[in-house]
N, C-alpha and C. Protein backbone atom coordinates (compact mmCIF):
# COMPACT_ATOMS: atom_id res chain seq x y z
N MET A 1 42.07 150.97 157.21
CA MET A 1 41.92 151.89 156.10
C MET A 1 40.40 151.91 155.72
N ILE A 2 39.72 150.83 155.73
CA ILE A 2 38.35 150.84 155.27
C ILE A 2 37.52 151.70 156.14
N LEU A 3 37.67 151.59 157.49
CA LEU A 3 36.83 152.51 158.39
C LEU A 3 37.15 153.99 158.14
N GLN A 4 38.45 154.18 157.94
CA GLN A 4 38.85 155.70 157.66
C GLN A 4 38.24 156.22 156.37
N MET A 5 38.20 155.35 155.42
CA MET A 5 37.48 155.84 154.11
C MET A 5 36.02 156.06 154.36
N ALA A 6 35.37 155.18 155.09
CA ALA A 6 33.93 155.42 155.38
C ALA A 6 33.69 156.60 156.06
N LYS A 7 34.59 156.94 157.10
CA LYS A 7 34.40 158.16 157.88
C LYS A 7 34.64 159.39 157.07
N ALA A 8 35.38 159.27 156.02
CA ALA A 8 35.64 160.43 155.12
C ALA A 8 34.63 160.50 153.97
N GLY A 9 33.60 159.74 154.04
CA GLY A 9 32.52 159.78 153.16
C GLY A 9 32.52 158.98 151.96
N PHE A 10 33.44 158.02 151.92
CA PHE A 10 33.53 157.01 150.73
C PHE A 10 32.87 155.77 151.01
N TYR A 11 32.36 155.15 149.95
CA TYR A 11 31.81 153.78 149.89
C TYR A 11 32.49 153.08 148.64
N TYR A 12 32.57 151.80 148.80
CA TYR A 12 33.27 150.93 147.86
C TYR A 12 32.34 150.79 146.66
N THR A 13 32.98 150.92 145.44
CA THR A 13 32.13 150.90 144.15
C THR A 13 32.68 149.84 143.18
N ALA A 14 33.79 149.33 143.39
CA ALA A 14 34.52 148.55 142.39
C ALA A 14 33.75 147.25 142.08
N ASP A 15 33.63 146.92 140.77
CA ASP A 15 33.03 145.67 140.38
C ASP A 15 34.09 144.80 139.83
N ILE A 16 35.36 145.28 139.74
CA ILE A 16 36.50 144.48 139.26
C ILE A 16 37.32 143.94 140.42
N LYS A 17 37.42 142.61 140.48
CA LYS A 17 38.14 142.05 141.61
C LYS A 17 39.55 142.62 141.81
N GLY A 18 39.78 143.02 143.05
CA GLY A 18 41.05 143.63 143.44
C GLY A 18 41.13 145.11 143.32
N SER A 19 40.06 145.76 142.73
CA SER A 19 40.10 147.24 142.58
C SER A 19 39.75 147.84 143.86
N ASP A 20 40.31 149.06 144.13
CA ASP A 20 40.06 149.69 145.39
C ASP A 20 39.26 151.05 145.15
N CYS A 21 38.44 151.07 144.16
CA CYS A 21 37.68 152.27 143.83
C CYS A 21 36.67 152.54 144.78
N VAL A 22 36.55 153.79 145.23
CA VAL A 22 35.47 154.29 146.18
C VAL A 22 34.95 155.56 145.64
N ARG A 23 33.66 155.91 146.16
CA ARG A 23 32.95 157.02 145.70
C ARG A 23 32.44 157.88 146.93
N CYS A 24 32.46 159.07 146.84
CA CYS A 24 32.02 159.92 147.93
C CYS A 24 30.50 159.99 147.86
N PHE A 25 29.77 159.83 149.03
CA PHE A 25 28.35 159.83 149.06
C PHE A 25 27.77 161.28 148.71
N CYS A 26 28.59 162.27 148.99
CA CYS A 26 28.04 163.61 148.76
C CYS A 26 28.48 164.31 147.37
N CYS A 27 29.77 164.20 147.02
CA CYS A 27 30.12 164.92 145.81
C CYS A 27 30.25 163.80 144.63
N TYR A 28 30.14 162.57 144.90
CA TYR A 28 30.23 161.46 143.83
C TYR A 28 31.58 161.32 143.28
N LYS A 29 32.60 161.96 143.80
CA LYS A 29 34.09 161.72 143.27
C LYS A 29 34.49 160.42 143.51
N GLU A 30 35.06 159.79 142.50
CA GLU A 30 35.59 158.40 142.59
C GLU A 30 37.06 158.51 142.67
N LEU A 31 37.62 157.76 143.60
CA LEU A 31 39.13 157.68 143.73
C LEU A 31 39.55 156.21 143.87
N ASN A 32 40.75 155.92 143.29
CA ASN A 32 41.22 154.62 143.43
C ASN A 32 42.77 154.58 143.52
N ASN A 33 43.41 153.47 143.51
CA ASN A 33 44.97 153.35 143.59
C ASN A 33 45.35 153.85 144.94
N TRP A 34 44.70 153.46 145.96
CA TRP A 34 45.08 153.91 147.38
C TRP A 34 46.39 153.24 147.87
N ASP A 35 47.18 154.03 148.58
CA ASP A 35 48.39 153.61 149.24
C ASP A 35 48.07 153.44 150.76
N ASP A 36 48.74 152.56 151.49
CA ASP A 36 48.42 152.41 152.89
C ASP A 36 48.64 153.67 153.64
N SER A 37 49.58 154.55 153.08
CA SER A 37 49.81 155.76 153.80
C SER A 37 48.87 156.94 153.53
N ASP A 38 47.98 156.71 152.58
CA ASP A 38 47.03 157.82 152.18
C ASP A 38 46.07 158.16 153.31
N ASP A 39 45.80 159.38 153.48
CA ASP A 39 44.83 159.91 154.41
C ASP A 39 43.56 160.21 153.61
N PRO A 40 42.50 159.37 153.85
CA PRO A 40 41.25 159.57 153.07
C PRO A 40 40.68 161.00 153.12
N TRP A 41 40.76 161.71 154.24
CA TRP A 41 40.20 163.05 154.33
C TRP A 41 41.10 163.97 153.42
N LYS A 42 42.39 163.89 153.47
CA LYS A 42 43.31 164.74 152.73
C LYS A 42 43.21 164.46 151.22
N GLU A 43 43.08 163.13 150.82
CA GLU A 43 42.99 162.82 149.45
C GLU A 43 41.57 163.42 148.87
N HIS A 44 40.59 163.23 149.80
CA HIS A 44 39.22 163.70 149.36
C HIS A 44 39.36 165.15 148.97
N LEU A 45 39.82 165.97 149.95
CA LEU A 45 39.97 167.44 149.66
C LEU A 45 40.97 167.78 148.49
N LYS A 46 41.96 167.01 148.43
CA LYS A 46 42.91 167.24 147.29
C LYS A 46 42.29 167.01 145.94
N HIS A 47 41.50 166.01 145.87
CA HIS A 47 40.90 165.70 144.46
C HIS A 47 39.44 166.41 144.25
N GLN A 48 38.87 166.84 145.37
CA GLN A 48 37.58 167.43 145.20
C GLN A 48 37.34 168.50 146.37
N SER A 49 38.06 169.56 146.18
CA SER A 49 38.07 170.56 147.30
C SER A 49 36.72 171.20 147.48
N SER A 50 35.82 171.17 146.37
CA SER A 50 34.43 171.74 146.61
C SER A 50 33.50 170.80 147.35
N CYS A 51 33.90 169.62 147.76
CA CYS A 51 32.96 168.78 148.50
C CYS A 51 32.69 169.30 149.91
N VAL A 52 31.46 169.68 150.21
CA VAL A 52 30.99 170.26 151.43
C VAL A 52 31.33 169.26 152.67
N PHE A 53 31.11 167.97 152.42
CA PHE A 53 31.39 167.02 153.50
C PHE A 53 32.90 167.02 153.89
N ALA A 54 33.62 166.92 152.71
CA ALA A 54 35.11 166.83 153.00
C ALA A 54 35.60 168.18 153.59
N GLN A 55 35.05 169.24 153.29
CA GLN A 55 35.53 170.62 153.91
C GLN A 55 35.26 170.58 155.39
N LEU A 56 34.25 169.93 155.79
CA LEU A 56 33.88 169.96 157.30
C LEU A 56 34.86 169.14 158.09
N GLN A 57 35.49 168.16 157.44
CA GLN A 57 36.43 167.25 158.17
C GLN A 57 35.83 166.73 159.50
N THR A 58 34.52 166.27 159.44
CA THR A 58 33.80 165.85 160.52
C THR A 58 33.02 164.53 160.23
N GLU A 59 33.25 163.63 161.07
CA GLU A 59 32.48 162.33 160.81
C GLU A 59 30.90 162.58 160.89
N GLU A 60 30.25 161.70 160.17
CA GLU A 60 28.88 161.80 160.11
C GLU A 60 28.13 161.83 161.47
N ALA A 61 28.62 161.04 162.39
CA ALA A 61 28.03 160.98 163.70
C ALA A 61 28.17 162.31 164.50
N ASN A 62 29.16 163.13 164.05
CA ASN A 62 29.40 164.33 164.97
C ASN A 62 28.85 165.61 164.24
N LEU A 63 28.03 165.50 163.18
CA LEU A 63 27.57 166.65 162.47
C LEU A 63 26.34 167.22 163.26
N SER A 64 26.26 168.55 163.13
CA SER A 64 25.06 169.14 163.65
C SER A 64 23.90 169.02 162.60
N LEU A 65 22.72 169.33 163.02
CA LEU A 65 21.64 169.22 162.06
C LEU A 65 21.71 170.18 160.96
N SER A 66 22.24 171.34 161.26
CA SER A 66 22.49 172.33 160.20
C SER A 66 23.53 171.93 159.23
N GLN A 67 24.59 171.43 159.71
CA GLN A 67 25.61 170.82 158.77
C GLN A 67 25.22 169.69 157.96
N LEU A 68 24.31 168.78 158.53
CA LEU A 68 23.77 167.64 157.83
C LEU A 68 22.80 168.22 156.72
N GLU A 69 22.03 169.18 157.02
CA GLU A 69 21.09 169.84 156.02
C GLU A 69 21.90 170.33 154.80
N GLY A 70 23.03 171.15 155.15
CA GLY A 70 23.80 171.63 153.99
C GLY A 70 24.42 170.55 153.15
N ILE A 71 24.86 169.52 153.76
CA ILE A 71 25.42 168.40 152.98
C ILE A 71 24.34 167.79 152.19
N LEU A 72 23.18 167.55 152.68
CA LEU A 72 22.18 166.90 151.91
C LEU A 72 21.76 167.71 150.75
N ILE A 73 21.67 169.08 150.90
CA ILE A 73 21.29 169.97 149.81
C ILE A 73 22.39 169.95 148.67
N HIS A 74 23.62 169.97 149.08
CA HIS A 74 24.74 169.75 148.12
C HIS A 74 24.67 168.43 147.39
N ARG A 75 24.50 167.41 148.19
CA ARG A 75 24.46 166.09 147.57
C ARG A 75 23.36 165.96 146.55
N GLU A 76 22.29 166.48 146.74
CA GLU A 76 21.15 166.44 145.79
C GLU A 76 21.53 167.24 144.55
N ALA A 77 22.11 168.33 144.70
CA ALA A 77 22.53 169.08 143.61
C ALA A 77 23.66 168.33 142.78
N ASN A 78 24.55 167.79 143.52
CA ASN A 78 25.60 166.95 142.79
C ASN A 78 25.03 165.78 142.08
N ARG A 79 24.02 165.16 142.73
CA ARG A 79 23.33 164.01 142.07
C ARG A 79 22.66 164.45 140.77
N ILE A 80 21.99 165.56 140.77
CA ILE A 80 21.35 166.07 139.60
C ILE A 80 22.43 166.38 138.45
N VAL A 81 23.43 167.02 138.82
CA VAL A 81 24.44 167.32 137.85
C VAL A 81 25.04 166.08 137.24
N SER A 82 25.30 165.02 138.17
CA SER A 82 25.85 163.83 137.62
C SER A 82 24.93 163.12 136.69
N ILE A 83 23.61 163.19 136.92
CA ILE A 83 22.64 162.54 136.00
C ILE A 83 22.60 163.37 134.60
N LEU A 84 22.58 164.71 134.78
CA LEU A 84 22.54 165.48 133.51
C LEU A 84 23.74 165.40 132.56
N PHE A 85 24.91 165.13 133.25
CA PHE A 85 26.09 165.17 132.41
C PHE A 85 26.78 163.87 132.30
N SER A 86 26.09 162.78 132.57
CA SER A 86 26.62 161.43 132.45
C SER A 86 26.16 160.82 131.17
């Protein structure tokens, strides 16, 4: 499950022992309370359908340069919004 989460753009953020909280590197959406049957790509889209990375449904290693550029532009915009409204 950990590798699948990483491929779907998530990284581990929990600082509480036993928590399974992860955050998307692009949209900064945090998700937790994962079940073994959860599909990280589907959960990502379900909870943050506007995430450009999740919409592509493509692992980072398989992105074109154009796709990567679009993701990075959206990521920076999302980062700025998260700073302004946090």
